[in-house]
């Protein structure tokens, strides 16, 4: 296998990038080496979660990203990881920059806000999910071993989704990357631009959205006659 890093470019929302780089420097971590380890774990989840975006959803996400103040950076990543990421993004119409922005945001939010941020973004504000980490010996080991060989920053969030799926509370394929952070709920316009998957009903100009809107308007009009 060719281990020579491959350089790729991505544009990251400046507030996220600056805050994360500060965190990585404080932790004495080399950004790209760390990202390689994270991608090993996270790409299978990106592939497993969600469904294929429509071309309209893909374009909508790209347009929302273009509205953000972003800085272009170069990442030196393992060629096999770059190849797999590009293949997933092409097959599922995922905007690659949206994935990197979401990944960087989660690394920052996870380290900065901990339980509160995770609970709000993924589990509707409940903090009961913290108890799930003690359900198995492997989870306890990983939680209590800071020098564990594997770098897996979101393991507890993934576990939370797996337990919800097991208990029938969510559908298969829901998780970190398929969760949509809507503008209306979080009042932060940049969050929607960090979507890896976006249902057509959340794309304003998608034919399905327009058809549903017209149907609702026609129904309302019939009540007013």
Protein backbone atom coordinates (compact mmCIF):
# COMPACT_ATOMS: atom_id res chain seq x y z
CA UNK A 1 0.00 0.00 0.00
CA UNK A 2 1.27 3.49 -0.86
CA UNK A 3 1.72 5.31 2.45
CA UNK A 4 2.87 8.60 0.93
CA UNK A 5 0.32 11.20 2.07
CA UNK A 6 -1.92 12.70 -0.57
CA UNK A 7 -2.68 16.40 -0.32
CA UNK A 8 -6.25 17.54 -0.73
CA UNK A 9 -7.86 20.93 -0.18
CA UNK A 10 -10.97 21.84 1.78
CA UNK A 11 -12.53 25.10 2.91
CA UNK A 12 -13.42 25.31 6.59
CA UNK A 13 -15.64 27.87 8.33
CA UNK A 14 -13.10 30.22 9.97
CA UNK A 15 -14.50 30.22 13.54
CA UNK A 16 -14.48 26.40 13.56
CA UNK A 17 -10.99 26.13 12.06
CA UNK A 18 -9.38 28.69 14.34
CA UNK A 19 -10.91 27.25 17.50
CA UNK A 20 -10.03 23.67 16.57
CA UNK A 21 -6.43 24.50 15.66
CA UNK A 22 -6.08 26.19 19.03
CA UNK A 23 -7.39 23.05 20.75
CA UNK A 24 -5.07 20.75 18.79
CA UNK A 25 -2.06 22.91 19.55
CA UNK A 26 -2.89 22.94 23.24
CA UNK A 27 -3.20 19.14 23.16
CA UNK A 28 0.15 18.81 21.30
CA UNK A 29 -1.56 16.93 18.44
CA UNK A 30 -0.50 17.05 14.80
CA UNK A 31 -3.68 17.83 12.91
CA UNK A 32 -3.27 15.67 9.81
CA UNK A 33 -1.84 12.67 11.65
CA UNK A 34 -4.76 12.86 14.05
CA UNK A 35 -7.28 13.21 11.20
CA UNK A 36 -5.95 10.09 9.51
CA UNK A 37 -6.73 8.11 12.66
CA UNK A 38 -10.17 9.68 13.00
CA UNK A 39 -11.05 9.01 9.34
CA UNK A 40 -10.18 5.32 9.73
CA UNK A 41 -13.01 5.07 12.23
CA UNK A 42 -15.50 7.57 10.85
CA UNK A 43 -15.64 6.77 7.11
CA UNK A 44 -17.49 3.47 7.65
CA UNK A 45 -20.13 5.41 9.61
CA UNK A 46 -20.38 8.04 6.88
CA UNK A 47 -20.95 5.24 4.36
CA UNK A 48 -23.47 3.38 6.51
CA UNK A 49 -25.60 6.31 7.57
CA UNK A 50 -28.30 8.08 5.60
CA UNK A 51 -29.29 7.69 1.98
CA UNK A 52 -28.17 9.23 -1.29
CA UNK A 53 -28.74 12.99 -1.52
CA UNK A 54 -30.74 14.30 -4.42
CA UNK A 55 -28.82 16.56 -6.80
CA UNK A 56 -30.96 19.46 -5.51
CA UNK A 57 -29.98 18.72 -1.91
CA UNK A 58 -26.32 18.47 -2.88
CA UNK A 59 -26.45 21.84 -4.63
CA UNK A 60 -28.36 23.45 -1.77
CA UNK A 61 -25.72 22.35 0.76
CA UNK A 62 -22.91 23.57 -1.52
CA UNK A 63 -24.64 26.95 -1.84
CA UNK A 64 -25.05 27.26 1.93
CA UNK A 65 -21.35 26.50 2.40
CA UNK A 66 -20.47 29.23 -0.10
CA UNK A 67 -22.28 31.74 2.12
CA UNK A 68 -19.87 31.07 4.99
CA UNK A 69 -16.56 32.82 5.61
CA UNK A 70 -14.27 29.87 4.95
CA UNK A 71 -10.51 29.43 4.76
CA UNK A 72 -8.90 26.96 2.37
CA UNK A 73 -6.48 24.52 3.95
CA UNK A 74 -4.44 21.61 2.66
CA UNK A 75 -4.66 18.20 4.35
CA UNK A 76 -2.04 15.45 3.97
CA UNK A 77 -4.01 12.21 4.24
CA UNK A 78 -3.46 8.54 3.48
CA UNK A 79 -4.27 7.83 -0.20
CA UNK A 80 -6.59 4.93 0.66
CA UNK A 81 -8.62 7.17 2.98
CA UNK A 82 -8.86 9.91 0.35
CA UNK A 83 -9.96 7.37 -2.25
CA UNK A 84 -12.63 5.93 0.02
CA UNK A 85 -13.91 9.36 1.05
CA UNK A 86 -14.13 10.51 -2.55
CA UNK A 87 -15.95 7.33 -3.56
CA UNK A 88 -18.51 7.68 -0.77
CA UNK A 89 -19.09 11.35 -1.53
CA UNK A 90 -19.54 10.69 -5.27
CA UNK A 91 -21.86 7.73 -4.76
CA UNK A 92 -24.04 9.43 -2.16
CA UNK A 93 -23.77 12.98 -3.50
CA UNK A 94 -22.21 14.22 -0.26
CA UNK A 95 -20.50 17.59 -0.44
CA UNK A 96 -16.99 16.74 0.75
CA UNK A 97 -16.43 20.16 2.30
CA UNK A 98 -19.64 19.72 4.29
CA UNK A 99 -18.26 16.48 5.73
CA UNK A 100 -14.97 18.08 6.78
CA UNK A 101 -16.74 21.09 8.29
CA UNK A 102 -19.05 18.79 10.26
CA UNK A 103 -16.15 16.62 11.39
CA UNK A 104 -14.11 19.63 12.53
CA UNK A 105 -17.13 21.13 14.28
CA UNK A 106 -17.84 17.90 16.13
CA UNK A 107 -14.23 17.54 17.24
CA UNK A 108 -14.37 21.07 18.59
CA UNK A 109 -17.87 20.85 20.11
CA UNK A 110 -17.17 17.48 21.67
CA UNK A 111 -14.04 18.75 23.41
CA UNK A 112 -15.53 22.12 24.39
CA UNK A 113 -19.07 21.36 25.45
CA UNK A 114 -18.96 17.67 26.28
CA UNK A 115 -22.18 16.16 27.56
CA UNK A 116 -24.36 19.24 27.05
CA UNK A 117 -23.42 19.70 23.39
CA UNK A 118 -23.75 16.01 22.55
CA UNK A 119 -27.10 15.79 24.31
CA UNK A 120 -28.50 18.82 22.51
CA UNK A 121 -27.24 18.01 19.02
CA UNK A 122 -28.03 14.31 18.93
CA UNK A 123 -30.29 13.20 21.79
CA UNK A 124 -32.91 15.95 22.13
CA UNK A 125 -31.37 17.37 25.26
CA UNK A 126 -31.64 14.24 27.40
CA UNK A 127 -28.52 13.16 29.29
CA UNK A 128 -29.63 9.59 30.02
CA UNK A 129 -27.33 8.35 27.27
CA UNK A 130 -24.34 8.80 29.61
CA UNK A 131 -25.36 5.66 31.47
CA UNK A 132 -25.01 3.62 28.27
CA UNK A 133 -21.23 3.83 28.40
CA UNK A 134 -21.13 1.41 31.34
CA UNK A 135 -23.09 -1.35 29.62
CA UNK A 136 -20.06 -3.34 28.52
CA UNK A 137 -16.53 -4.09 29.60
CA UNK A 138 -15.04 -2.83 26.33
CA UNK A 139 -16.76 0.51 26.73
CA UNK A 140 -15.48 0.88 30.29
CA UNK A 141 -11.96 0.05 29.16
CA UNK A 142 -12.04 2.61 26.37
CA UNK A 143 -13.50 5.29 28.61
CA UNK A 144 -10.88 4.79 31.31
CA UNK A 145 -7.79 4.29 29.13
CA UNK A 146 -6.53 7.66 27.81
CA UNK A 147 -3.56 6.04 26.02
CA UNK A 148 -5.62 3.45 24.15
CA UNK A 149 -4.13 2.74 20.71
CA UNK A 150 -7.29 3.52 18.75
CA UNK A 151 -8.35 7.14 18.33
CA UNK A 152 -12.14 7.09 18.38
CA UNK A 153 -13.44 10.47 19.61
CA UNK A 154 -17.15 9.85 18.91
CA UNK A 155 -17.43 6.27 20.16
CA UNK A 156 -19.94 7.16 22.86
CA UNK A 157 -22.22 9.04 20.46
CA UNK A 158 -22.14 6.12 18.02
CA UNK A 159 -22.95 3.78 20.89
CA UNK A 160 -25.92 5.93 21.81
CA UNK A 161 -27.35 5.64 18.30
CA UNK A 162 -26.71 1.89 18.24
CA UNK A 163 -28.66 1.43 21.47
CA UNK A 164 -31.54 3.59 20.24
CA UNK A 165 -31.65 1.53 17.04
CA UNK A 166 -31.52 -1.71 19.00
CA UNK A 167 -34.44 -0.55 21.14
CA UNK A 168 -36.47 0.46 18.09
CA UNK A 169 -36.45 4.18 18.91
CA UNK A 170 -34.80 5.19 15.63
CA UNK A 171 -34.57 3.78 12.13
CA UNK A 172 -31.53 1.96 10.79
CA UNK A 173 -29.01 4.38 9.31
CA UNK A 174 -29.57 7.28 11.68
CA UNK A 175 -26.47 8.70 13.32
CA UNK A 176 -23.88 11.45 13.54
CA UNK A 177 -23.78 12.23 9.83
CA UNK A 178 -27.44 11.76 8.95
CA UNK A 179 -28.71 14.03 11.75
CA UNK A 180 -29.94 17.35 10.34
CA UNK A 181 -29.41 20.51 12.38
CA UNK A 182 -32.13 22.81 11.13
CA UNK A 183 -31.91 26.60 11.10
CA UNK A 184 -35.26 26.92 12.83
CA UNK A 185 -34.29 24.80 15.84
CA UNK A 186 -30.76 26.02 16.51
CA UNK A 187 -30.92 29.58 15.14
CA UNK A 188 -27.42 29.06 13.71
CA UNK A 189 -27.48 29.32 9.90
CA UNK A 190 -24.06 27.72 9.54
CA UNK A 191 -25.23 24.38 10.99
CA UNK A 192 -27.43 23.51 8.00
CA UNK A 193 -24.40 23.99 5.74
CA UNK A 194 -22.71 21.18 7.68
CA UNK A 195 -25.22 18.61 6.39
CA UNK A 196 -23.91 15.37 4.93
CA UNK A 197 -27.46 14.24 4.19
CA UNK A 198 -30.49 16.45 3.66
CA UNK A 199 -34.04 15.21 3.00
CA UNK A 200 -35.71 16.73 -0.03
CA UNK A 201 -38.42 18.27 2.14
CA UNK A 202 -35.77 20.55 3.64
CA UNK A 203 -34.60 21.78 0.23
CA UNK A 204 -36.74 24.89 -0.48
CA UNK A 205 -36.87 24.60 -4.29
CA UNK A 206 -37.08 20.84 -4.63
CA UNK A 207 -40.13 19.71 -6.68
CA UNK A 208 -41.34 17.53 -3.81
CA UNK A 209 -41.23 20.50 -1.43
CA UNK A 210 -43.03 22.77 -3.88
CA UNK A 211 -45.71 20.15 -4.54
CA UNK A 212 -46.38 19.66 -0.81
CA UNK A 213 -46.51 23.41 -0.28
CA UNK A 214 -49.04 23.83 -3.11
CA UNK A 215 -51.15 20.99 -1.75
CA UNK A 216 -51.23 22.63 1.68
CA UNK A 217 -52.07 26.02 0.16
CA UNK A 218 -54.88 24.49 -1.91
CA UNK A 219 -56.29 22.77 1.17
CA UNK A 220 -56.21 26.02 3.14
CA UNK A 221 -57.85 27.87 0.28
CA UNK A 222 -60.65 25.27 0.14
CA UNK A 223 -61.37 25.87 3.84
CA UNK A 224 -61.66 29.62 3.28
CA UNK A 225 -64.13 29.39 0.41
